[in-house]
Amino acid sequence: MIFFLKKTTYFLLIFFLISCGGSVPITENPPSSERGLRIEKVSENFLSLTRSSSFKVKLNTNPGKNISITPNLTNVIGSAQIQPTSISLNDNWNDGGVFTVNGVCDTTSANSTFQIDFTVSNDLTGSPYPNKILSTSDTFQDDNESNFEKLNSTTISGEIIEENNVYILANSTSTTEGGVTSTIDVVLCKQPNTTITVTPTSSNTNEGTVSAALTFLTSNWSTTQTVTVTGQNDTVVDENVDYSISFAASGGYDDSIESVSMRNYDDETPQIVTNVTALAGNVSETGTQQTFTVALSQEPVTSVVLQLAVDNDEALLNISNLTFTPTTYSTPVTVIVSGVDDSIDDGDQNFVIKISPVSGTGYANASPVSITGTNTDND
């Protein structure tokens, strides 16, 4: 009898499951003891600066909803920043997100130490997803000489080794051929034991030049000095040109200096030049012709192609395309305009010749030029 009741209960349970869709509800939130953060070393995506280091944060279980993780820097000695301010994990819970700690040049000549704890958003139950660190190497060191160590279940600590860095800050990244300059602030991050010379170099002195090398003494190493970048003028239509300012320093500071990307803005206005806006006389259906010339106003850096076209069938041109090179840009080319004969008594007809740029650095967006004319009827 007991066996029969157990068997009946079993079949009733099966029937209930089948009637509900044939599946057993899945628990969205595993027990709190299984949920938490995993901290991992990042073996790629290192920043080039020796004062920056990265680590990855993952969730130990699938959260079933977006979980926001916010790192908090505490007990900071020296200077440090962490980016981004937060990450959101859901389906990517096992891939994780990367945080990068940047040691800021604070000219204290000391290493930066810090601790990091984490704040997390609410899980499906409405309670904070546990911020405890369930898994991390007890201690690991990345390629940027930064150590991260688990202090307790919710905190890790780190240290960024202060190197012989030269810190640079571009106040702007553009110059112009019209005289606008840019400045770059330079300071040492660690006190040297000898005089340090920092030499700026432009990758293209035709576009931008730099002021003289900077000298830092053991007494003024933490005082910011400024490099001035001056845009260079030319008469060539070369559009806006990118170049860079690099730095080299003596005394073992060389390898830690970044370069600054700059852009020199062109001040030339490219124009298509013709000797007329309207033909000197009419063309005719009986064969009367007129001429005009075409040239460019400024020297290009590449060949420039122009297209010539009439807006109707009243006139013909002996040239439909013109090509100017950097050496022939100012030499006028003569274009012959002929009237088209027809058998229609349509009276004198006006037409417009349009000269448009097709290609050529700086000239591709130049304004088209129009020339008007009249074809005299002979019918």
Protein backbone atom coordinates (compact mmCIF):
# COMPACT_ATOMS: atom_id res chain seq x y z
CA MET A 1 0.00 0.00 0.00
CA ILE A 2 2.81 2.40 0.91
CA PHE A 3 4.64 1.50 -2.29
CA PHE A 4 1.48 2.24 -4.27
CA LEU A 5 1.12 5.68 -2.65
CA LYS A 6 4.77 6.58 -3.36
CA LYS A 7 4.36 5.45 -6.95
CA THR A 8 1.14 7.44 -7.29
CA THR A 9 2.83 10.52 -5.85
CA TYR A 10 5.72 10.11 -8.30
CA PHE A 11 3.40 9.94 -11.31
CA LEU A 12 1.41 12.93 -10.07
CA LEU A 13 4.67 14.91 -9.86
CA ILE A 14 5.62 13.89 -13.39
CA PHE A 15 2.16 14.85 -14.62
CA PHE A 16 2.46 18.24 -12.90
CA LEU A 17 5.85 18.94 -14.48
CA ILE A 18 4.62 17.96 -17.94
CA SER A 19 1.52 20.13 -17.59
CA CYS A 20 3.76 23.08 -16.64
CA GLY A 21 5.92 22.81 -19.73
CA GLY A 22 8.08 19.86 -18.83
CA SER A 23 10.86 21.85 -17.11
CA VAL A 24 12.01 22.49 -13.59
CA PRO A 25 12.46 26.18 -12.62
CA ILE A 26 16.14 27.20 -12.45
CA THR A 27 17.42 29.09 -9.43
CA GLU A 28 18.62 32.46 -10.79
CA ASN A 29 20.86 33.29 -7.86
CA PRO A 30 23.16 30.58 -6.54
CA PRO A 31 23.84 30.61 -2.83
CA SER A 32 25.71 33.64 -1.53
CA SER A 33 28.69 31.46 -0.71
CA GLU A 34 29.15 30.78 -4.44
CA ARG A 35 28.65 34.33 -5.64
CA GLY A 36 31.38 36.95 -5.66
CA LEU A 37 34.24 38.50 -7.65
CA ARG A 38 37.27 36.97 -9.33
CA ILE A 39 40.35 39.15 -9.79
CA GLU A 40 42.75 38.18 -12.57
CA LYS A 41 45.95 39.52 -14.01
CA VAL A 42 45.68 40.94 -17.52
CA SER A 43 48.35 39.33 -19.68
CA GLU A 44 47.59 41.60 -22.64
CA ASN A 45 46.45 45.16 -23.24
CA PHE A 46 49.20 46.62 -21.09
CA LEU A 47 49.54 50.35 -21.45
CA SER A 48 52.95 51.53 -22.59
CA LEU A 49 53.45 53.74 -19.57
CA THR A 50 55.38 52.14 -16.75
CA ARG A 51 53.14 53.97 -14.29
CA SER A 52 49.98 52.08 -15.36
CA SER A 53 48.76 48.56 -14.70
CA SER A 54 45.59 46.61 -15.38
CA PHE A 55 43.59 43.79 -13.81
CA LYS A 56 40.36 42.04 -14.76
CA VAL A 57 37.26 41.56 -12.62
CA LYS A 58 34.85 38.67 -13.33
CA LEU A 59 31.78 37.29 -11.58
CA ASN A 60 31.98 33.83 -10.13
CA THR A 61 28.42 32.93 -11.23
CA ASN A 62 25.91 34.00 -13.85
CA PRO A 63 24.02 36.90 -12.24
CA GLY A 64 20.95 36.75 -14.50
CA LYS A 65 20.87 40.59 -14.75
CA ASN A 66 23.25 43.52 -15.16
CA ILE A 67 25.58 43.88 -12.22
CA SER A 68 27.48 47.17 -11.95
CA ILE A 69 30.93 46.96 -10.34
CA THR A 70 32.52 50.16 -9.04
CA PRO A 71 36.13 50.18 -7.77
CA ASN A 72 37.04 52.47 -4.90
CA LEU A 73 40.60 53.61 -4.30
CA THR A 74 41.41 53.93 -0.61
CA ASN A 75 44.49 54.46 1.52
CA VAL A 76 46.28 56.10 -1.39
CA ILE A 77 49.87 57.17 -0.77
CA GLY A 78 51.25 59.23 -3.63
CA SER A 79 48.86 59.59 -6.55
CA ALA A 80 46.74 57.06 -8.40
CA GLN A 81 43.66 57.01 -10.60
CA ILE A 82 41.50 54.12 -11.80
CA GLN A 83 39.57 53.85 -15.06
CA PRO A 84 36.83 53.22 -15.95
CA THR A 85 34.72 54.34 -13.03
CA SER A 86 32.56 51.20 -13.33
CA ILE A 87 31.77 48.23 -15.53
CA SER A 88 28.56 46.27 -16.10
CA LEU A 89 28.54 42.47 -16.31
CA ASN A 90 25.69 40.14 -17.27
CA ASP A 91 26.04 37.62 -20.09
CA ASN A 92 29.72 38.53 -20.11
CA TRP A 93 30.06 37.63 -16.44
CA ASN A 94 32.77 35.06 -17.16
CA ASP A 95 34.66 37.30 -19.61
CA GLY A 96 34.90 40.16 -17.18
CA GLY A 97 35.98 43.77 -17.59
CA VAL A 98 39.35 45.47 -17.27
CA PHE A 99 40.27 48.22 -14.82
CA THR A 100 43.49 50.20 -15.22
CA VAL A 101 45.26 51.96 -12.37
CA ASN A 102 47.35 54.95 -13.40
CA GLY A 103 50.05 56.35 -11.19
CA VAL A 104 50.00 60.13 -11.65
CA CYS A 105 53.21 62.08 -11.86
CA ASP A 106 53.12 63.84 -8.49
CA THR A 107 56.82 64.78 -8.33
CA THR A 108 57.18 63.23 -4.89
CA SER A 109 59.81 60.79 -6.12
CA ALA A 110 57.99 58.02 -4.24
CA ASN A 111 56.10 54.92 -5.32
CA SER A 112 52.30 55.06 -5.31
CA THR A 113 50.48 52.58 -3.09
CA PHE A 114 46.75 52.06 -2.74
CA GLN A 115 43.96 49.69 -1.80
CA ILE A 116 40.87 48.87 -3.86
CA ASP A 117 37.50 47.71 -2.60
CA PHE A 118 34.42 47.19 -4.73
CA THR A 119 30.80 48.28 -4.65
CA VAL A 120 28.28 46.20 -6.60
CA SER A 121 24.66 46.77 -7.60
CA ASN A 122 21.63 44.72 -6.57
CA ASP A 123 21.04 41.18 -7.81
CA LEU A 124 17.72 39.54 -8.70
CA THR A 125 16.73 39.25 -5.05
CA GLY A 126 17.08 43.00 -4.57
CA SER A 127 20.12 42.52 -2.37
CA PRO A 128 23.66 43.69 -3.29
CA TYR A 129 25.51 41.07 -5.30
CA PRO A 130 28.28 39.93 -2.92
CA ASN A 131 31.39 42.06 -3.32
CA LYS A 132 33.65 39.50 -1.71
CA ILE A 133 36.67 38.32 -3.67
CA LEU A 134 36.37 34.56 -4.02
CA SER A 135 39.34 34.00 -6.28
CA THR A 136 42.60 35.76 -7.05
CA SER A 137 46.28 34.99 -7.01
CA ASP A 138 47.62 35.72 -3.55
CA THR A 139 50.18 37.96 -5.20
CA PHE A 140 50.91 38.64 -8.83
CA GLN A 141 53.10 41.11 -10.65
CA ASP A 142 52.49 42.43 -14.14
CA ASP A 143 54.90 43.60 -16.81
CA ASN A 144 54.72 47.17 -15.57
CA GLU A 145 56.33 46.30 -12.23
CA SER A 146 53.05 46.71 -10.36
CA ASN A 147 52.07 44.30 -7.62
CA PHE A 148 48.47 43.43 -6.72
CA GLU A 149 47.82 41.48 -3.53
CA LYS A 150 44.62 40.24 -1.92
CA LEU A 151 44.33 41.75 1.54
CA ASN A 152 41.05 40.20 2.65
CA SER A 153 37.81 38.90 1.17
CA THR A 154 36.76 42.31 -0.21
CA THR A 155 40.00 44.23 -0.81
CA ILE A 156 43.13 44.08 -2.95
CA SER A 157 46.12 46.37 -2.72
CA GLY A 158 48.69 47.50 -5.24
CA GLU A 159 51.82 49.51 -5.77
CA ILE A 160 53.02 51.32 -8.85
CA ILE A 161 56.76 51.68 -8.98
CA GLU A 162 57.79 55.27 -9.67
CA GLU A 163 60.12 55.16 -12.63
CA ASN A 164 62.39 57.79 -14.13
CA ASN A 165 59.45 59.19 -16.07
CA VAL A 166 59.21 62.42 -17.98
CA TYR A 167 55.61 63.60 -17.76
CA ILE A 168 54.27 65.57 -20.72
CA LEU A 169 50.94 67.34 -21.18
CA ALA A 170 49.92 68.92 -24.47
CA ASN A 171 47.84 72.05 -23.86
CA SER A 172 46.64 71.82 -27.46
CA THR A 173 47.42 69.56 -30.41
CA SER A 174 47.07 71.96 -33.33
CA THR A 175 49.07 74.67 -35.05
CA THR A 176 48.28 76.74 -38.12
CA GLU A 177 50.18 78.20 -41.03
CA GLY A 178 48.74 81.50 -39.89
CA GLY A 179 50.84 81.60 -36.73
CA VAL A 180 48.86 79.76 -34.05
CA THR A 181 51.22 77.90 -31.72
CA SER A 182 50.81 75.07 -29.23
CA THR A 183 52.56 74.36 -25.94
CA ILE A 184 53.55 71.13 -24.20
CA ASP A 185 54.27 71.08 -20.47
CA VAL A 186 57.21 68.92 -19.35
CA VAL A 187 58.23 67.88 -15.84
CA LEU A 188 60.23 65.06 -14.26
CA CYS A 189 58.43 62.57 -12.02
CA LYS A 190 61.44 61.59 -9.95
CA GLN A 191 64.34 63.58 -8.65
CA PRO A 192 67.51 62.92 -10.69
CA ASN A 193 70.99 62.75 -9.28
CA THR A 194 72.40 64.77 -12.17
CA THR A 195 71.32 67.38 -14.72
CA ILE A 196 68.72 66.01 -17.17
CA THR A 197 68.23 67.39 -20.68
CA VAL A 198 64.91 66.79 -22.45
CA THR A 199 65.10 67.41 -26.20
CA PRO A 200 61.92 67.79 -28.31
CA THR A 201 61.99 66.89 -32.02
CA SER A 202 59.44 67.52 -34.75
CA SER A 203 58.77 64.74 -37.22
CA ASN A 204 58.18 67.34 -39.96
CA THR A 205 59.88 70.71 -39.57
CA ASN A 206 58.13 71.93 -42.73
CA GLU A 207 54.89 71.81 -40.74
CA GLY A 208 55.94 72.51 -37.16
CA THR A 209 59.11 73.46 -35.29
CA VAL A 210 59.91 73.24 -31.58
CA SER A 211 61.68 75.46 -29.10
CA ALA A 212 65.04 74.59 -27.57
CA ALA A 213 65.84 71.64 -25.33
CA LEU A 214 64.89 71.84 -21.64
CA THR A 215 67.35 71.50 -18.78
CA PHE A 216 66.26 70.10 -15.41
CA LEU A 217 68.57 70.42 -12.41
CA THR A 218 68.47 68.42 -9.20
CA SER A 219 66.98 71.55 -7.62
CA ASN A 220 64.24 72.38 -10.17
CA TRP A 221 63.33 68.92 -11.49
CA SER A 222 59.71 69.19 -10.26
CA THR A 223 59.09 72.62 -11.83
CA THR A 224 57.12 72.46 -15.08
CA GLN A 225 58.86 73.78 -18.19
CA THR A 226 57.22 74.44 -21.55
CA VAL A 227 57.99 73.47 -25.14
CA THR A 228 56.48 75.75 -27.79
CA VAL A 229 55.43 74.25 -31.12
CA THR A 230 55.13 76.71 -34.02
CA GLY A 231 53.20 75.95 -37.20
CA GLN A 232 55.14 76.64 -40.40
CA ASN A 233 53.70 78.53 -43.35
CA ASP A 234 54.04 77.56 -47.00
CA THR A 235 52.42 78.48 -50.31
CA VAL A 236 51.38 74.94 -51.17
CA VAL A 237 47.83 73.61 -51.04
CA ASP A 238 48.62 70.62 -48.85
CA GLU A 239 45.47 70.63 -46.66
CA ASN A 240 45.92 69.91 -42.95
CA VAL A 241 49.07 67.91 -42.23
CA ASP A 242 49.65 65.62 -39.24
CA TYR A 243 53.03 65.42 -37.56
CA SER A 244 54.34 64.56 -34.11
CA ILE A 245 56.63 65.87 -31.41
CA SER A 246 58.86 63.26 -29.80
CA PHE A 247 61.13 63.62 -26.80
CA ALA A 248 64.49 62.22 -25.76
CA ALA A 249 66.12 62.66 -22.39
CA SER A 250 69.47 61.99 -20.83
CA GLY A 251 70.20 60.11 -17.64
CA GLY A 252 68.06 57.01 -18.24
CA TYR A 253 64.78 58.84 -18.76
CA ASP A 254 64.61 58.14 -22.50
CA ASP A 255 62.40 55.05 -22.70
CA SER A 256 59.42 56.41 -20.79
CA ILE A 257 58.56 59.47 -22.90
CA GLU A 258 55.55 59.52 -25.16
CA SER A 259 55.16 61.53 -28.34
CA VAL A 260 52.45 64.11 -29.02
CA SER A 261 50.41 63.98 -32.22
CA MET A 262 49.94 67.41 -33.80
CA ARG A 263 48.11 68.83 -36.83
CA ASN A 264 49.11 71.93 -38.80
CA TYR A 265 46.12 73.60 -40.43
CA ASP A 266 46.56 74.90 -43.99
CA ASP A 267 45.79 78.55 -44.76
CA GLU A 268 45.78 78.43 -48.56
CA THR A 269 42.49 78.84 -50.44
CA PRO A 270 42.69 76.85 -53.68
CA GLN A 271 40.90 78.41 -56.64
CA ILE A 272 40.34 77.64 -60.31
CA VAL A 273 41.46 80.71 -62.28
CA THR A 274 39.99 81.71 -65.65
CA ASN A 275 40.55 84.92 -67.60
CA VAL A 276 36.83 85.50 -68.17
CA THR A 277 33.46 85.10 -66.49
CA ALA A 278 31.65 85.63 -69.81
CA LEU A 279 33.04 85.03 -73.27
CA ALA A 280 34.32 88.14 -75.05
CA GLY A 281 31.89 87.58 -77.90
CA ASN A 282 29.27 85.19 -79.19
CA VAL A 283 29.92 81.90 -80.89
CA SER A 284 27.70 81.10 -83.82
CA GLU A 285 26.15 78.26 -85.78
CA THR A 286 28.17 79.50 -88.77
CA GLY A 287 31.51 78.65 -87.07
CA THR A 288 32.51 81.65 -84.97
CA GLN A 289 34.65 80.53 -82.00
CA GLN A 290 35.76 82.06 -78.70
CA THR A 291 38.54 81.10 -76.25
CA PHE A 292 39.35 81.32 -72.55
CA THR A 293 42.22 80.10 -70.37
CA VAL A 294 42.32 78.02 -67.18
CA ALA A 295 45.01 77.75 -64.47
CA LEU A 296 45.26 77.15 -60.69
CA SER A 297 45.81 79.83 -58.05
CA GLN A 298 48.12 77.89 -55.70
CA GLU A 299 50.68 75.14 -56.10
CA PRO A 300 49.21 71.69 -55.36
CA VAL A 301 51.10 68.77 -53.84
CA THR A 302 49.51 66.27 -56.23
CA SER A 303 48.16 66.44 -59.77
CA VAL A 304 44.78 68.17 -60.05
CA VAL A 305 42.16 67.07 -62.57
CA LEU A 306 39.42 69.47 -63.74
CA GLN A 307 36.31 68.58 -65.73
CA LEU A 308 34.84 71.00 -68.30
CA ALA A 309 31.24 70.65 -69.46
CA VAL A 310 28.52 72.69 -71.23
CA ASP A 311 25.05 72.66 -69.70
CA ASN A 312 23.25 72.17 -73.04
CA ASP A 313 23.90 71.27 -76.70
CA GLU A 314 24.53 74.80 -77.96
CA ALA A 315 28.33 74.74 -77.68
CA LEU A 316 31.26 72.35 -77.84
CA LEU A 317 34.67 72.49 -76.11
CA ASN A 318 37.88 71.18 -77.61
CA ILE A 319 38.92 69.93 -74.14
CA SER A 320 36.77 68.05 -71.61
CA ASN A 321 39.43 67.43 -68.93
CA LEU A 322 42.50 69.31 -67.77
CA THR A 323 45.34 68.01 -65.58
CA PHE A 324 47.68 70.36 -63.73
CA THR A 325 50.82 69.21 -61.90
CA PRO A 326 52.82 70.98 -59.17
CA THR A 327 55.09 72.34 -61.93
CA THR A 328 52.41 73.32 -64.49
CA TYR A 329 49.67 74.58 -62.14
CA SER A 330 50.14 78.27 -63.04
CA THR A 331 50.57 77.84 -66.81
CA PRO A 332 47.28 78.87 -68.49
CA VAL A 333 45.69 76.31 -70.83
CA THR A 334 43.61 77.67 -73.72
CA VAL A 335 40.15 76.20 -74.28
CA ILE A 336 38.30 76.71 -77.60
CA VAL A 337 34.51 77.14 -77.60
CA SER A 338 32.55 76.45 -80.81
CA GLY A 339 28.87 77.00 -81.52
CA VAL A 340 26.79 73.97 -82.52
CA ASP A 341 24.83 74.28 -85.78
CA ASP A 342 21.29 72.96 -85.93
CA SER A 343 18.39 73.23 -88.40
CA ILE A 344 15.97 74.77 -85.93
CA ASP A 345 14.95 78.41 -85.98
CA ASP A 346 15.39 78.74 -82.22
CA GLY A 347 17.01 82.15 -82.04
CA ASP A 348 20.15 82.97 -80.12
CA GLN A 349 20.68 80.53 -77.24
CA ASN A 350 22.63 81.00 -74.01
CA PHE A 351 24.81 78.32 -72.43
CA VAL A 352 26.99 77.88 -69.35
CA ILE A 353 30.41 76.26 -69.20
CA LYS A 354 31.13 74.71 -65.80
CA ILE A 355 34.68 73.90 -64.65
CA SER A 356 34.71 71.51 -61.69
CA PRO A 357 37.53 69.85 -59.71
CA VAL A 358 37.56 66.07 -59.93
CA SER A 359 40.60 65.13 -57.83
CA GLY A 360 43.74 66.53 -56.26
CA THR A 361 44.81 67.11 -52.66
CA GLY A 362 43.39 70.41 -51.47
CA TYR A 363 41.60 71.13 -54.74
CA ALA A 364 38.99 68.36 -54.68
CA ASN A 365 36.66 70.64 -52.67
CA ALA A 366 37.51 73.88 -54.47
CA SER A 367 34.57 75.91 -55.76
CA PRO A 368 33.55 75.29 -59.40
CA VAL A 369 33.78 78.16 -61.89
CA SER A 370 31.14 79.06 -64.49
CA ILE A 371 31.54 80.92 -67.79
CA THR A 372 28.53 82.14 -69.79
CA GLY A 373 28.19 82.47 -73.54
CA THR A 374 25.72 82.81 -76.39
CA ASN A 375 25.34 80.80 -79.60
CA THR A 376 24.02 82.95 -82.48
CA ASP A 377 21.34 81.28 -84.61
CA ASN A 378 21.64 81.18 -88.41
CA ASP A 379 18.25 79.72 -89.29
